[in-house]
């Protein structure tokens, strides 16, 4: 069932509630190009995905319609798993939640109230039925359990499937929950009006009232929350409510107005910033948790729907969306915002002896992505008409990491040859090249 079908299940928010600790930060808007020349790489999938999450297996995972879960490796390979029957009645197989589990399985939640886990190695699926539905969100707790939102309750689920329910307050449903730096759960109420603070025993420690969005309900995914690198929680309230919020562990709230339509999903990314979607404006922007400065990027005009975002283990930002700019029209899939590209790209001049095998480094470069050498495909054009595959090796693990390109070749004659080293990074759909000179004795 699509999110639009869920919207009818919710009422418009009522009555203005002003939070006494309100503080606003405003700034002029300027539009920046995409963070790198790679733009927004996109991979077409065979189903519309609602949620996307980071895996610890060098991949991102996403779930959506018709009981399907997808895996996109960080080198650009796609794989699909069926976890629920395609013919489930009333859209029951729609996956509204997905998260990498404490047990290294992929956990998901469905419209019909099923919490399942997929073994990424074997494809085996284990299912647990919750007493309420839909399952709006699922996450990994600091206590070694999984936590889920369904109906008016929060559920703690052990890896073995022991389910313990906790009521929020008997009348509120949650939109998203994430563990905070304090080890407790922070839960966004569906309409973006309150944040619940719950410990691992299921006790609600605090309920924080937020500025009333006064916007039509947008389904279970309109209010989002994430932990930030500054030790605080960051949140959004509504896709048509233009502000970002920050709440400290003691409950102090600060609001940051944004120059856009509103804010949807939110995520802490490897560059140290908080990123958020503005679905109505077709943008993904970022805010610095240190300064509050907001960077607005050019709209992703070809994307009619921006579903959700997630960081990945390569340090980059991924998103689930519908891309209208494809040869086949609007297609669902997974996109990426590369935050870094290889830098300090330098060819290394070499001095082989003709008739003898040369084997050594021919180029070097650096990259802030947390990736290894096998993320790159290298081809070395030796300048004498011959080409061969090169090997990329990470020689220094840091920020940035340093890489070298190694190759082997035998020149038949003396002379100077212009060498071109071509590199393809499939995970960024990006290519670059370096030049060197072979002085053959």
Protein backbone atom coordinates (compact mmCIF):
# COMPACT_ATOMS: atom_id res chain seq x y z
CA UNK A 1 0.00 0.00 0.00
CA UNK A 2 1.44 3.37 -0.93
CA UNK A 3 2.01 6.10 1.63
CA UNK A 4 -0.69 8.18 -0.06
CA UNK A 5 -3.23 5.48 0.80
CA UNK A 6 -2.20 5.68 4.44
CA UNK A 7 -2.74 9.41 4.64
CA UNK A 8 -6.48 9.02 4.77
CA UNK A 9 -6.01 7.20 8.07
CA UNK A 10 -4.88 10.31 9.88
CA UNK A 11 -6.62 13.56 10.89
CA UNK A 12 -5.31 17.06 10.37
CA UNK A 13 -3.45 18.47 13.36
CA UNK A 14 -5.38 20.84 15.68
CA UNK A 15 -4.71 23.79 18.06
CA UNK A 16 -1.52 25.83 18.26
CA UNK A 17 0.92 24.85 21.03
CA UNK A 18 3.87 27.16 21.62
CA UNK A 19 6.96 25.77 23.30
CA UNK A 20 8.46 28.22 25.79
CA UNK A 21 12.01 27.40 24.84
CA UNK A 22 11.55 28.29 21.16
CA UNK A 23 14.59 29.81 19.44
CA UNK A 24 14.76 30.60 15.74
CA UNK A 25 17.74 30.84 13.47
CA UNK A 26 17.13 32.45 10.07
CA UNK A 27 19.40 32.94 7.11
CA UNK A 28 19.34 34.00 3.50
CA UNK A 29 18.97 31.26 0.95
CA UNK A 30 21.57 30.50 -1.71
CA UNK A 31 21.49 27.47 -3.97
CA UNK A 32 24.55 25.25 -4.35
CA UNK A 33 25.25 22.75 -7.12
CA UNK A 34 25.46 19.03 -6.24
CA UNK A 35 28.30 18.36 -3.78
CA UNK A 36 30.45 16.73 -6.48
CA UNK A 37 30.70 16.45 -10.25
CA UNK A 38 29.20 12.95 -10.02
CA UNK A 39 25.78 14.57 -9.51
CA UNK A 40 23.08 12.13 -8.42
CA UNK A 41 23.77 8.56 -9.62
CA UNK A 42 20.63 6.42 -9.77
CA UNK A 43 19.86 2.70 -10.02
CA UNK A 44 16.45 1.60 -11.29
CA UNK A 45 14.78 -1.09 -9.20
CA UNK A 46 11.74 -3.23 -9.98
CA UNK A 47 9.60 -1.94 -7.10
CA UNK A 48 8.76 1.29 -5.31
CA UNK A 49 10.67 1.47 -2.03
CA UNK A 50 9.51 3.41 1.03
CA UNK A 51 12.48 3.09 3.35
CA UNK A 52 16.23 2.67 2.98
CA UNK A 53 18.84 1.71 5.56
CA UNK A 54 22.55 1.17 5.93
CA UNK A 55 23.81 -2.42 6.01
CA UNK A 56 27.03 -3.58 7.64
CA UNK A 57 27.74 -5.69 4.54
CA UNK A 58 28.94 -2.90 2.22
CA UNK A 59 25.43 -2.28 0.92
CA UNK A 60 22.22 -0.34 1.49
CA UNK A 61 18.91 -2.16 1.88
CA UNK A 62 15.46 -0.91 0.96
CA UNK A 63 11.91 -2.18 1.26
CA UNK A 64 8.61 -1.19 -0.26
CA UNK A 65 5.70 -2.58 -2.19
CA UNK A 66 4.65 -6.19 -2.82
CA UNK A 67 6.71 -7.82 -0.09
CA UNK A 68 10.10 -7.13 -1.69
CA UNK A 69 13.43 -6.09 -0.17
CA UNK A 70 16.30 -4.85 -2.31
CA UNK A 71 20.04 -4.73 -1.78
CA UNK A 72 22.32 -2.26 -3.56
CA UNK A 73 26.00 -2.97 -3.02
CA UNK A 74 28.28 0.03 -2.68
CA UNK A 75 29.80 -0.97 -6.01
CA UNK A 76 26.42 -0.72 -7.74
CA UNK A 77 25.11 -4.31 -7.89
CA UNK A 78 21.39 -4.88 -7.28
CA UNK A 79 19.68 -7.94 -5.78
CA UNK A 80 16.04 -8.52 -4.78
CA UNK A 81 14.56 -10.76 -2.06
CA UNK A 82 10.91 -11.70 -1.62
CA UNK A 83 9.99 -11.70 2.06
CA UNK A 84 6.18 -11.51 1.93
CA UNK A 85 3.59 -12.96 -0.49
CA UNK A 86 2.85 -10.67 -3.43
CA UNK A 87 -0.89 -11.34 -3.21
CA UNK A 88 -1.33 -10.32 0.43
CA UNK A 89 -4.82 -8.77 0.80
CA UNK A 90 -5.36 -5.05 1.38
CA UNK A 91 -1.73 -4.15 0.76
CA UNK A 92 -0.61 -6.14 3.78
CA UNK A 93 2.78 -6.96 2.26
CA UNK A 94 3.79 -3.31 1.89
CA UNK A 95 7.00 -2.72 3.84
CA UNK A 96 6.93 0.56 5.73
CA UNK A 97 10.04 0.01 7.85
CA UNK A 98 13.48 -1.58 7.41
CA UNK A 99 16.68 -1.59 9.48
CA UNK A 100 19.90 -3.57 9.82
CA UNK A 101 19.59 -5.63 12.98
CA UNK A 102 21.70 -6.32 16.03
CA UNK A 103 22.04 -9.90 14.75
CA UNK A 104 23.23 -8.80 11.27
CA UNK A 105 19.90 -9.68 9.72
CA UNK A 106 17.72 -7.20 7.81
CA UNK A 107 14.62 -6.45 9.91
CA UNK A 108 11.44 -5.06 8.40
CA UNK A 109 7.85 -4.17 9.31
CA UNK A 110 4.73 -4.46 7.17
CA UNK A 111 1.35 -2.79 6.86
CA UNK A 112 -0.30 -5.93 8.25
CA UNK A 113 1.73 -5.83 11.48
CA UNK A 114 4.40 -8.40 10.68
CA UNK A 115 7.95 -7.85 11.89
CA UNK A 116 10.32 -10.05 9.95
CA UNK A 117 14.02 -10.62 9.60
CA UNK A 118 15.84 -11.62 6.45
CA UNK A 119 19.13 -13.49 6.60
CA UNK A 120 21.17 -11.68 3.93
CA UNK A 121 23.40 -14.70 3.34
CA UNK A 122 20.78 -17.44 2.96
CA UNK A 123 17.61 -15.50 2.13
CA UNK A 124 15.78 -17.25 4.99
CA UNK A 125 12.94 -15.22 6.52
CA UNK A 126 11.62 -15.37 10.10
CA UNK A 127 8.33 -13.61 10.92
CA UNK A 128 6.69 -12.36 14.12
CA UNK A 129 3.11 -11.06 14.19
CA UNK A 130 2.49 -7.97 16.30
CA UNK A 131 -1.00 -7.42 17.78
CA UNK A 132 -1.23 -4.01 16.10
CA UNK A 133 -0.60 -2.63 12.64
CA UNK A 134 0.81 -1.00 10.57
CA UNK A 135 4.45 -1.23 11.64
CA UNK A 136 5.49 2.37 11.12
CA UNK A 137 9.18 2.04 11.98
CA UNK A 138 11.84 -0.31 13.32
CA UNK A 139 15.31 0.34 14.67
CA UNK A 140 18.21 -1.19 16.56
CA UNK A 141 18.45 -0.44 20.27
CA UNK A 142 21.52 0.00 22.42
CA UNK A 143 20.22 -2.83 24.64
CA UNK A 144 20.77 -5.56 22.03
CA UNK A 145 17.11 -5.65 20.97
CA UNK A 146 15.10 -4.36 18.06
CA UNK A 147 12.42 -1.73 18.66
CA UNK A 148 9.32 -1.12 16.55
CA UNK A 149 6.33 1.21 16.36
CA UNK A 150 2.86 -0.17 15.58
CA UNK A 151 -0.54 1.21 16.40
CA UNK A 152 -0.43 3.06 19.72
CA UNK A 153 2.45 1.00 21.08
CA UNK A 154 6.21 0.63 21.09
CA UNK A 155 7.51 -2.94 20.89
CA UNK A 156 10.81 -4.30 22.15
CA UNK A 157 11.74 -7.44 20.21
CA UNK A 158 14.63 -9.68 21.13
CA UNK A 159 16.65 -11.32 18.32
CA UNK A 160 14.92 -14.58 19.26
CA UNK A 161 11.50 -12.99 18.80
CA UNK A 162 10.40 -12.29 22.38
CA UNK A 163 7.98 -9.35 22.06
CA UNK A 164 7.28 -6.85 24.85
CA UNK A 165 4.73 -4.06 24.21
CA UNK A 166 4.73 -0.58 25.79
CA UNK A 167 1.97 2.01 25.38
CA UNK A 168 3.00 5.56 24.54
CA UNK A 169 0.12 7.23 26.35
CA UNK A 170 -2.96 5.45 25.04
CA UNK A 171 -3.82 7.86 22.23
CA UNK A 172 -0.65 8.63 20.24
CA UNK A 173 1.02 6.65 17.52
CA UNK A 174 4.65 7.05 16.61
CA UNK A 175 6.18 7.91 13.26
CA UNK A 176 9.87 7.13 13.87
CA UNK A 177 12.08 6.04 16.76
CA UNK A 178 15.84 6.11 17.16
CA UNK A 179 18.21 5.50 20.08
CA UNK A 180 19.84 8.61 21.51
CA UNK A 181 23.32 9.24 22.87
CA UNK A 182 21.87 8.57 26.33
CA UNK A 183 20.96 4.99 25.35
CA UNK A 184 17.21 5.68 25.49
CA UNK A 185 14.64 5.70 22.71
CA UNK A 186 13.47 8.99 21.22
CA UNK A 187 10.11 8.68 19.48
CA UNK A 188 8.43 11.13 17.10
CA UNK A 189 4.66 11.26 17.35
CA UNK A 190 2.95 10.74 13.98
CA UNK A 191 1.72 14.30 13.53
CA UNK A 192 5.02 15.87 14.63
CA UNK A 193 3.55 17.42 17.78
CA UNK A 194 5.42 15.55 20.50
CA UNK A 195 8.61 13.64 21.22
CA UNK A 196 8.54 10.73 23.68
CA UNK A 197 11.64 9.80 25.67
CA UNK A 198 11.54 6.12 26.72
CA UNK A 199 14.10 3.97 28.53
CA UNK A 200 14.92 0.36 27.67
CA UNK A 201 12.45 -0.88 30.31
CA UNK A 202 9.60 0.80 28.41
CA UNK A 203 9.11 3.65 30.91
CA UNK A 204 8.24 7.01 29.33
CA UNK A 205 10.67 9.41 31.00
CA UNK A 206 9.47 12.60 29.36
CA UNK A 207 7.04 13.89 26.77
CA UNK A 208 8.20 17.05 24.99
CA UNK A 209 5.62 19.25 23.28
CA UNK A 210 6.71 20.79 19.97
CA UNK A 211 5.49 23.73 17.95
CA UNK A 212 2.21 22.67 16.34
CA UNK A 213 2.82 22.10 12.60
CA UNK A 214 -0.81 22.99 11.71
CA UNK A 215 -0.45 21.08 8.45
CA UNK A 216 -2.46 18.22 6.95
CA UNK A 217 -1.31 14.81 8.04
CA UNK A 218 1.08 13.18 5.60
CA UNK A 219 1.02 9.59 6.82
CA UNK A 220 3.36 7.71 9.12
CA UNK A 221 6.59 9.00 7.60
CA UNK A 222 6.13 12.75 7.83
CA UNK A 223 7.90 13.21 11.20
CA UNK A 224 11.45 11.88 11.54
CA UNK A 225 14.25 11.87 14.09
CA UNK A 226 17.95 10.98 14.23
CA UNK A 227 20.88 11.21 16.63
CA UNK A 228 23.49 13.78 15.69
CA UNK A 229 27.27 13.93 16.12
CA UNK A 230 26.82 16.75 18.67
CA UNK A 231 25.17 14.50 21.26
CA UNK A 232 21.66 15.80 20.49
CA UNK A 233 18.64 14.53 18.59
CA UNK A 234 17.54 16.24 15.36
CA UNK A 235 14.03 16.02 13.98
CA UNK A 236 11.54 17.06 11.32
CA UNK A 237 7.79 17.47 11.85
CA UNK A 238 5.99 17.70 8.51
CA UNK A 239 6.75 17.84 4.80
CA UNK A 240 4.87 21.14 4.65
CA UNK A 241 6.28 22.65 7.85
CA UNK A 242 9.55 24.49 7.05
CA UNK A 243 11.78 23.98 10.05
CA UNK A 244 14.31 21.56 11.54
CA UNK A 245 14.43 20.90 15.27
CA UNK A 246 17.16 19.99 17.74
CA UNK A 247 16.53 18.64 21.23
CA UNK A 248 19.19 18.10 23.89
CA UNK A 249 19.22 15.16 26.26
CA UNK A 250 17.75 17.45 28.93
CA UNK A 251 14.90 18.53 26.64
CA UNK A 252 16.02 21.98 25.47
CA UNK A 253 14.56 22.57 22.01
CA UNK A 254 15.87 24.84 19.27
CA UNK A 255 14.19 25.37 15.91
CA UNK A 256 15.92 26.22 12.66
CA UNK A 257 13.61 27.67 9.97
CA UNK A 258 14.40 26.43 6.47
CA UNK A 259 13.90 28.20 3.15
CA UNK A 260 11.71 25.60 1.54
CA UNK A 261 8.37 23.86 1.71
CA UNK A 262 9.03 21.53 4.63
CA UNK A 263 11.18 18.67 5.83
CA UNK A 264 10.61 14.92 5.58
CA UNK A 265 13.23 12.31 6.37
CA UNK A 266 16.43 13.18 8.27
CA UNK A 267 19.81 11.44 8.74
CA UNK A 268 23.26 11.99 10.22
CA UNK A 269 25.86 11.42 7.51
CA UNK A 270 29.61 10.70 7.55
CA UNK A 271 30.54 14.29 6.65
CA UNK A 272 29.39 15.34 10.13
CA UNK A 273 26.24 17.11 8.93
CA UNK A 274 22.52 16.45 9.32
CA UNK A 275 20.81 15.91 5.95
CA UNK A 276 17.08 16.20 5.32
CA UNK A 277 14.63 15.92 2.46
CA UNK A 278 12.27 18.64 1.26
CA UNK A 279 9.99 16.37 -0.82
CA UNK A 280 7.69 19.11 -2.10
CA UNK A 281 10.64 21.18 -3.35
CA UNK A 282 12.41 18.02 -4.65
CA UNK A 283 15.54 18.81 -2.65
CA UNK A 284 17.91 17.12 -0.22
CA UNK A 285 19.67 19.73 1.93
CA UNK A 286 21.95 19.76 4.96
CA UNK A 287 22.40 21.62 8.23
CA UNK A 288 25.59 21.91 10.25
CA UNK A 289 25.00 20.71 13.82
CA UNK A 290 27.88 22.95 14.92
CA UNK A 291 26.81 26.28 13.45
CA UNK A 292 23.21 25.76 12.34
CA UNK A 293 24.18 26.90 8.84
CA UNK A 294 22.00 25.32 6.15
CA UNK A 295 23.21 24.47 2.66
CA UNK A 296 20.54 24.29 -0.04
CA UNK A 297 21.29 22.23 -3.12
CA UNK A 298 19.87 22.41 -6.60
CA UNK A 299 16.56 20.55 -6.83
CA UNK A 300 16.54 16.96 -7.99
CA UNK A 301 14.09 17.99 -10.70
CA UNK A 302 13.91 14.58 -12.33
CA UNK A 303 12.69 12.97 -9.09
CA UNK A 304 8.95 13.28 -8.55
CA UNK A 305 9.04 11.54 -5.15
CA UNK A 306 11.78 11.57 -2.51
CA UNK A 307 10.93 8.78 -0.08
CA UNK A 308 13.73 8.47 2.47
CA UNK A 309 17.46 8.88 3.02
CA UNK A 310 20.24 6.98 4.78
CA UNK A 311 23.97 7.13 5.26
CA UNK A 312 26.01 4.11 4.19
CA UNK A 313 29.27 2.50 5.26
CA UNK A 314 31.15 4.22 2.42
CA UNK A 315 30.32 7.54 4.09
CA UNK A 316 27.93 8.66 1.35
CA UNK A 317 24.23 9.55 1.33
CA UNK A 318 21.65 7.33 -0.40
CA UNK A 319 17.97 7.95 -1.08
CA UNK A 320 14.87 6.08 -2.28
CA UNK A 321 12.90 7.93 -4.95
CA UNK A 322 10.94 7.92 -8.20
CA UNK A 323 12.99 9.15 -11.18
CA UNK A 324 10.90 10.58 -14.03
CA UNK A 325 13.91 11.18 -16.27
CA UNK A 326 14.45 7.67 -17.57
CA UNK A 327 13.96 6.27 -21.10
CA UNK A 328 11.00 4.28 -19.74
CA UNK A 329 9.36 7.16 -17.85
CA UNK A 330 8.94 7.33 -14.08
CA UNK A 331 10.86 4.50 -12.44
CA UNK A 332 11.49 3.71 -8.78
CA UNK A 333 14.97 3.17 -7.53
CA UNK A 334 17.83 4.15 -5.29
CA UNK A 335 19.92 7.27 -5.76
CA UNK A 336 23.14 8.48 -4.24
CA UNK A 337 24.68 11.82 -3.38
CA UNK A 338 28.45 11.36 -3.57
CA UNK A 339 29.99 13.75 -1.06
CA UNK A 340 33.57 13.17 -2.18
CA UNK A 341 35.35 12.14 -5.34
CA UNK A 342 38.95 10.95 -5.76
CA UNK A 343 41.42 13.79 -5.38
CA UNK A 344 45.14 14.33 -5.81
CA UNK A 345 45.02 12.11 -8.88
CA UNK A 346 48.60 11.74 -10.08
CA UNK A 347 50.23 9.52 -12.66
CA UNK A 348 53.61 8.05 -11.69
CA UNK A 349 56.31 8.11 -14.35
CA UNK A 350 57.99 4.73 -14.83
CA UNK A 351 61.35 3.54 -16.23
CA UNK A 352 61.04 -0.02 -17.57
CA UNK A 353 63.64 -1.97 -19.53
CA UNK A 354 62.45 -3.17 -22.89
CA UNK A 355 62.02 -6.91 -23.22
CA UNK A 356 61.61 -7.28 -19.45
CA UNK A 357 58.42 -7.37 -17.43
CA UNK A 358 57.68 -4.14 -15.60
CA UNK A 359 55.51 -4.47 -12.49
CA UNK A 360 54.82 -1.52 -10.20
CA UNK A 361 52.75 1.53 -9.35
CA UNK A 362 51.65 3.80 -12.18
CA UNK A 363 49.26 6.21 -10.40
CA UNK A 364 47.99 7.37 -7.01
CA UNK A 365 44.97 9.21 -5.66
CA UNK A 366 43.12 9.94 -2.41
CA UNK A 367 39.48 9.64 -1.37
CA UNK A 368 37.51 10.55 1.77
CA UNK A 369 35.08 7.70 1.19
CA UNK A 370 35.51 4.80 3.60
CA UNK A 371 36.10 2.24 0.89
CA UNK A 372 38.77 -0.21 -0.25
CA UNK A 373 40.64 -0.58 -3.50
CA UNK A 374 38.21 -3.13 -4.93
CA UNK A 375 35.63 -0.35 -5.26
CA UNK A 376 37.58 0.84 -8.32
CA UNK A 377 38.16 -0.72 -11.74
CA UNK A 378 41.42 0.31 -13.40
CA UNK A 379 42.55 -0.01 -17.02
CA UNK A 380 46.08 0.96 -18.03
CA UNK A 381 46.74 2.05 -21.61
CA UNK A 382 50.49 1.63 -21.93
CA UNK A 383 50.94 3.89 -24.96
CA UNK A 384 52.28 1.20 -27.30
CA UNK A 385 48.85 -0.01 -28.36
CA UNK A 386 48.48 -2.44 -25.47
CA UNK A 387 46.10 -2.20 -22.52
CA UNK A 388 45.65 -4.29 -19.39
CA UNK A 389 43.73 -4.31 -16.13
CA UNK A 390 45.30 -2.61 -13.14
CA UNK A 391 44.89 -3.29 -9.44
CA UNK A 392 43.86 -0.56 -7.01
CA UNK A 393 45.13 -0.94 -3.45
CA UNK A 394 44.50 1.21 -0.41
CA UNK A 395 47.95 1.98 0.97
CA UNK A 396 46.90 4.33 3.77
CA UNK A 397 43.66 4.16 5.74
CA UNK A 398 42.84 7.67 6.90
CA UNK A 399 40.85 10.78 6.18
CA UNK A 400 41.45 10.81 3.31
CA UNK A 401 42.65 7.32 2.43
CA UNK A 402 45.38 6.94 -0.16
CA UNK A 403 45.32 4.50 -3.08
CA UNK A 404 47.83 3.29 -5.65
CA UNK A 405 47.28 1.69 -9.05
CA UNK A 406 49.55 -1.23 -9.86
CA UNK A 407 50.10 -2.77 -13.28
CA UNK A 408 52.39 -5.07 -15.24
CA UNK A 409 53.57 -4.82 -18.85
CA UNK A 410 56.49 -5.67 -21.16
CA UNK A 411 57.59 -3.10 -23.73
CA UNK A 412 59.08 -4.51 -26.92
CA UNK A 413 61.24 -1.50 -27.76
CA UNK A 414 62.93 1.55 -26.29
CA UNK A 415 61.35 4.99 -26.30
CA UNK A 416 58.96 7.28 -24.50
CA UNK A 417 55.32 6.24 -24.26
CA UNK A 418 52.35 8.23 -22.94
CA UNK A 419 50.51 6.11 -20.40
CA UNK A 420 46.85 6.71 -19.51
CA UNK A 421 45.37 5.20 -16.37
CA UNK A 422 41.55 5.07 -16.56
CA UNK A 423 39.57 4.53 -13.37
CA UNK A 424 35.89 3.68 -13.06
CA UNK A 425 34.11 3.88 -9.71
CA UNK A 426 30.83 2.00 -10.30
CA UNK A 427 29.46 2.94 -6.89
CA UNK A 428 29.51 6.60 -7.91
CA UNK A 429 28.92 6.02 -11.64
CA UNK A 430 32.04 8.17 -12.06
CA UNK A 431 35.15 7.98 -14.24
CA UNK A 432 38.49 9.76 -14.16
CA UNK A 433 41.94 9.30 -15.65
CA UNK A 434 45.59 10.10 -14.97
CA UNK A 435 48.60 10.51 -17.23
CA UNK A 436 52.14 9.25 -16.88
CA UNK A 437 55.21 8.73 -19.08
CA UNK A 438 57.02 5.45 -19.57
CA UNK A 439 60.71 6.04 -20.40
CA UNK A 440 61.74 2.63 -21.70
CA UNK A 441 65.44 1.85 -21.72
